[in-house]
Amino acid sequence: MNGKNRKDIVSGLEVEIVLKEDQRTGKRTRGIVKDILTNSSTHPHGIKVRLTNGLVGRVQEIIGRE
């Protein structure tokens, strides 16, 4: 599942994100959602989230519950 709809993303979900510095390469980082930072219901590049380890990026794929 992609991460373009805010309603699909909840705290505690395991996701793959792309960090700002990795946008050119598309390198993904896996982690658990702590906070949802995007206010709009959808975003073409993915909903911006903060992971439990403090990293911030846009959701590319939703893996599932921890």
Foldseek 3Di string as FASTA:
>chain_A
DFAFFPVVDDFQFWFWFAAPVCPVVPDTDIATFHAFDDDDGGDPQATWTAGPVGGIGGTGGTDGGD
